[in-house]
N, C-alpha and C. Protein backbone atom coordinates (compact mmCIF):
# COMPACT_ATOMS: atom_id res chain seq x y z
N MET A 1 -21.15 -13.81 -30.00
CA MET A 1 -20.58 -12.67 -30.67
C MET A 1 -20.04 -12.81 -31.99
N THR A 2 -20.26 -11.90 -32.74
CA THR A 2 -19.42 -12.31 -33.55
C THR A 2 -18.02 -12.01 -34.15
N GLU A 3 -16.91 -12.14 -34.35
CA GLU A 3 -15.54 -12.19 -34.51
C GLU A 3 -15.23 -10.14 -34.70
N SER A 4 -16.02 -9.64 -35.29
CA SER A 4 -15.36 -7.94 -34.69
C SER A 4 -15.92 -6.69 -34.11
N GLU A 5 -16.47 -8.37 -32.99
CA GLU A 5 -17.26 -7.26 -31.22
C GLU A 5 -15.98 -8.13 -30.15
N ARG A 6 -15.24 -8.59 -30.56
CA ARG A 6 -14.73 -8.32 -29.27
C ARG A 6 -14.00 -7.60 -28.84
N PRO A 7 -13.18 -7.43 -27.71
CA PRO A 7 -12.83 -5.98 -27.01
C PRO A 7 -10.86 -6.10 -28.03
N LEU A 8 -10.60 -7.06 -28.08
CA LEU A 8 -9.11 -7.42 -28.27
C LEU A 8 -9.09 -7.47 -29.80
N ASP A 9 -10.72 -7.42 -30.79
CA ASP A 9 -10.81 -6.82 -32.43
C ASP A 9 -10.48 -5.60 -32.46
N ALA A 10 -10.84 -4.92 -31.74
CA ALA A 10 -11.22 -2.85 -31.45
C ALA A 10 -9.20 -2.68 -31.34
N LEU A 11 -9.02 -3.96 -30.51
CA LEU A 11 -7.04 -3.79 -30.38
C LEU A 11 -6.17 -3.57 -31.48
N ASN A 12 -6.96 -4.22 -32.17
CA ASN A 12 -6.57 -5.47 -33.53
C ASN A 12 -6.11 -4.47 -34.08
N ALA A 13 -7.58 -3.82 -33.97
CA ALA A 13 -7.56 -2.42 -36.04
C ALA A 13 -7.36 -1.19 -35.30
N ALA A 14 -6.81 -0.26 -34.29
CA ALA A 14 -6.07 -0.01 -33.60
C ALA A 14 -4.22 0.21 -33.58
N ARG A 15 -4.18 -1.25 -33.89
CA ARG A 15 -2.96 -1.70 -34.52
C ARG A 15 -1.98 -0.22 -35.17
N GLY A 16 -0.49 0.06 -35.19
CA GLY A 16 -0.39 0.20 -36.01
C GLY A 16 -0.68 2.55 -36.13
N LYS A 17 -1.71 2.62 -35.04
CA LYS A 17 -2.03 3.76 -35.23
C LYS A 17 -1.91 4.81 -34.02
N ARG A 18 -2.38 5.92 -33.22
CA ARG A 18 -1.26 6.05 -32.20
C ARG A 18 -2.83 6.35 -31.41
N VAL A 19 -2.60 5.81 -30.20
CA VAL A 19 -2.92 5.48 -28.73
C VAL A 19 -2.52 6.87 -28.08
N ILE A 20 -3.20 6.63 -26.93
CA ILE A 20 -3.49 7.57 -25.92
C ILE A 20 -3.52 5.86 -24.66
N VAL A 21 -2.04 5.48 -23.99
CA VAL A 21 -2.24 4.83 -22.77
C VAL A 21 -2.57 5.78 -21.35
N GLU A 22 -3.46 5.67 -21.16
CA GLU A 22 -3.97 5.99 -19.39
C GLU A 22 -3.13 4.70 -18.23
N LEU A 23 -2.12 5.27 -17.47
CA LEU A 23 -2.10 3.82 -16.36
C LEU A 23 -2.93 4.81 -15.07
N LYS A 24 -2.35 3.65 -14.14
CA LYS A 24 -3.54 3.69 -12.77
C LYS A 24 -2.16 4.98 -12.00
N ASN A 25 -0.91 5.06 -12.20
CA ASN A 25 0.02 6.38 -11.54
C ASN A 25 -0.69 7.33 -11.60
N ASN A 26 -1.80 7.77 -12.92
CA ASN A 26 -2.13 8.88 -13.25
C ASN A 26 -1.59 9.30 -14.92
N LYS A 27 -0.53 8.77 -15.10
CA LYS A 27 0.62 8.56 -16.33
C LYS A 27 -0.24 8.54 -17.49
N GLN A 28 0.31 9.47 -18.50
CA GLN A 28 -0.39 9.22 -19.91
C GLN A 28 0.46 9.09 -20.66
N ILE A 29 0.21 8.20 -21.43
CA ILE A 29 1.52 7.70 -22.50
C ILE A 29 0.62 7.21 -23.81
N ALA A 30 1.25 8.70 -24.97
CA ALA A 30 0.77 8.10 -26.22
C ALA A 30 2.19 7.92 -27.02
N GLY A 31 1.78 6.80 -28.45
CA GLY A 31 2.51 6.37 -29.33
C GLY A 31 2.03 5.22 -30.13
N LYS A 32 2.40 5.26 -31.38
CA LYS A 32 2.27 3.96 -32.25
C LYS A 32 1.92 2.92 -31.38
N LEU A 33 0.83 1.75 -31.12
CA LEU A 33 0.78 0.53 -31.22
C LEU A 33 1.46 -0.62 -32.11
N LYS A 34 2.52 -0.91 -31.64
CA LYS A 34 2.87 -1.27 -32.38
C LYS A 34 2.69 -3.52 -32.17
N ALA A 35 2.11 -3.54 -30.82
CA ALA A 35 1.85 -5.10 -30.69
C ALA A 35 1.12 -5.07 -29.11
N PHE A 36 0.36 -6.25 -28.85
CA PHE A 36 -0.42 -6.27 -27.66
C PHE A 36 -0.56 -7.98 -27.87
N ASP A 37 -0.28 -8.21 -26.18
CA ASP A 37 -0.79 -10.18 -25.97
C ASP A 37 -2.29 -10.23 -25.71
N ILE A 38 -2.45 -11.38 -24.95
CA ILE A 38 -4.20 -11.43 -24.04
C ILE A 38 -4.25 -11.26 -22.82
N HIS A 39 -3.13 -10.60 -22.37
CA HIS A 39 -3.32 -10.03 -21.64
C HIS A 39 -3.28 -8.21 -21.02
N ILE A 40 -3.42 -7.52 -21.99
CA ILE A 40 -2.91 -6.66 -22.86
C ILE A 40 -1.67 -5.76 -22.51
N ASN A 41 -0.50 -6.64 -21.84
CA ASN A 41 0.64 -6.17 -22.38
C ASN A 41 1.28 -5.39 -23.31
N THR A 42 1.74 -4.47 -23.79
CA THR A 42 1.58 -3.77 -24.80
C THR A 42 2.61 -2.83 -25.32
N VAL A 43 2.94 -2.83 -26.38
CA VAL A 43 4.62 -1.63 -26.53
C VAL A 43 3.67 -0.69 -27.87
N LEU A 44 4.72 0.41 -27.54
CA LEU A 44 4.85 1.09 -27.73
C LEU A 44 5.67 2.23 -28.96
N ASP A 45 5.81 2.13 -30.01
CA ASP A 45 6.81 3.05 -31.09
C ASP A 45 6.68 4.90 -30.66
N GLU A 46 7.33 5.04 -31.04
CA GLU A 46 7.44 6.31 -30.97
C GLU A 46 6.96 6.94 -29.93
N ALA A 47 6.85 6.14 -28.31
CA ALA A 47 6.12 7.21 -27.73
C ALA A 47 6.85 8.03 -26.38
N GLU A 48 5.48 9.03 -26.36
CA GLU A 48 5.34 9.95 -25.15
C GLU A 48 4.88 10.02 -23.76
N GLU A 49 5.48 10.44 -22.74
CA GLU A 49 4.99 10.91 -21.93
C GLU A 49 4.14 12.20 -22.13
N ARG A 50 2.77 12.10 -21.11
CA ARG A 50 2.60 14.03 -21.23
C ARG A 50 1.52 14.25 -20.03
N ALA A 51 1.83 15.29 -19.79
CA ALA A 51 1.35 15.79 -17.86
C ALA A 51 -0.10 16.88 -18.91
N ASP A 52 -0.93 16.71 -18.72
CA ASP A 52 -1.49 18.20 -19.41
C ASP A 52 -2.29 18.28 -20.60
N GLY A 53 -2.04 17.25 -21.37
CA GLY A 53 -1.83 17.55 -23.42
C GLY A 53 -0.48 17.79 -23.71
N GLU A 54 0.51 17.67 -22.64
CA GLU A 54 1.63 17.90 -23.25
C GLU A 54 3.12 16.61 -22.92
N VAL A 55 3.37 17.45 -23.93
CA VAL A 55 4.88 16.50 -23.63
C VAL A 55 6.14 16.55 -22.65
N LYS A 56 6.20 15.71 -21.40
CA LYS A 56 6.69 16.00 -20.78
C LYS A 56 7.89 15.27 -20.56
N ARG A 57 8.06 14.17 -21.53
CA ARG A 57 9.21 13.43 -22.44
C ARG A 57 9.63 12.38 -23.29
N LYS A 58 10.38 12.43 -24.05
CA LYS A 58 10.08 11.86 -25.55
C LYS A 58 10.93 9.70 -24.49
N LEU A 59 10.01 8.95 -25.49
CA LEU A 59 10.57 7.61 -24.57
C LEU A 59 10.95 6.71 -25.55
N GLY A 60 10.62 7.41 -27.07
CA GLY A 60 10.91 5.86 -28.00
C GLY A 60 9.50 4.91 -27.66
N THR A 61 10.57 3.53 -27.99
CA THR A 61 9.75 2.22 -27.46
C THR A 61 9.88 1.78 -26.33
N VAL A 62 8.22 1.54 -26.45
CA VAL A 62 8.02 1.20 -24.78
C VAL A 62 7.49 0.07 -24.28
N PHE A 63 7.33 -0.64 -23.44
CA PHE A 63 6.29 -2.15 -22.90
C PHE A 63 5.59 -0.94 -21.47
N ILE A 64 4.76 -1.05 -22.06
CA ILE A 64 4.26 -0.89 -20.95
C ILE A 64 3.37 -2.73 -20.29
N ARG A 65 2.56 -3.08 -19.11
CA ARG A 65 2.90 -4.24 -18.56
C ARG A 65 0.93 -4.43 -18.99
N GLY A 66 0.09 -5.14 -18.96
CA GLY A 66 -1.05 -4.97 -19.17
C GLY A 66 -1.81 -4.62 -17.77
N ASP A 67 -0.98 -4.72 -15.97
CA ASP A 67 -2.03 -4.42 -15.59
C ASP A 67 -1.70 -3.26 -14.08
N THR A 68 -1.54 -2.64 -15.69
CA THR A 68 -1.76 -1.15 -15.14
C THR A 68 -2.30 -0.19 -15.91
N ILE A 69 -2.51 -0.05 -16.70
CA ILE A 69 -2.79 0.28 -18.16
C ILE A 69 -4.76 -0.41 -17.16
N ILE A 70 -5.59 1.13 -17.24
CA ILE A 70 -7.21 2.03 -17.05
C ILE A 70 -7.77 1.99 -18.48
N ILE A 71 -6.89 2.99 -19.63
CA ILE A 71 -7.58 3.16 -20.26
C ILE A 71 -6.30 3.03 -21.50
N ILE A 72 -7.38 2.39 -23.46
CA ILE A 72 -6.20 3.01 -24.40
C ILE A 72 -7.51 3.78 -25.32
N SER A 73 -6.80 4.45 -25.96
CA SER A 73 -8.09 4.93 -26.49
C SER A 73 -7.60 5.22 -27.66
N PRO A 74 -7.72 5.94 -29.59
CA PRO A 74 -7.68 6.15 -30.40
C PRO A 74 -6.70 7.65 -29.87
N GLU A 75 -6.21 8.62 -30.46
CA GLU A 75 -5.71 9.63 -30.39
C GLU A 75 -6.00 10.91 -31.29
C-alpha cells in the first residue's frame, strides 16, 4: 500500500468537510469532521442528529467513541 491508500488517509482527506456518521444504535450524526485518532474516536463540529434524512436536533461539537461507529461517509 502506498501512503495515500491507507484508510486513515481517506479519513484525513475528509478533515474539515461535512460527513455523516452512522452508529451501531441506528442513529446518524452529520457534522464537520474536526479530528479523529487511531481508534476512530471522532470529533464533529456543527453536529446534528438526523432521522429519516431530517434534522432531529442540533448538537454542536460532539465526541463520538470509535467503537460505536459503523460508517463514516461524505455528506
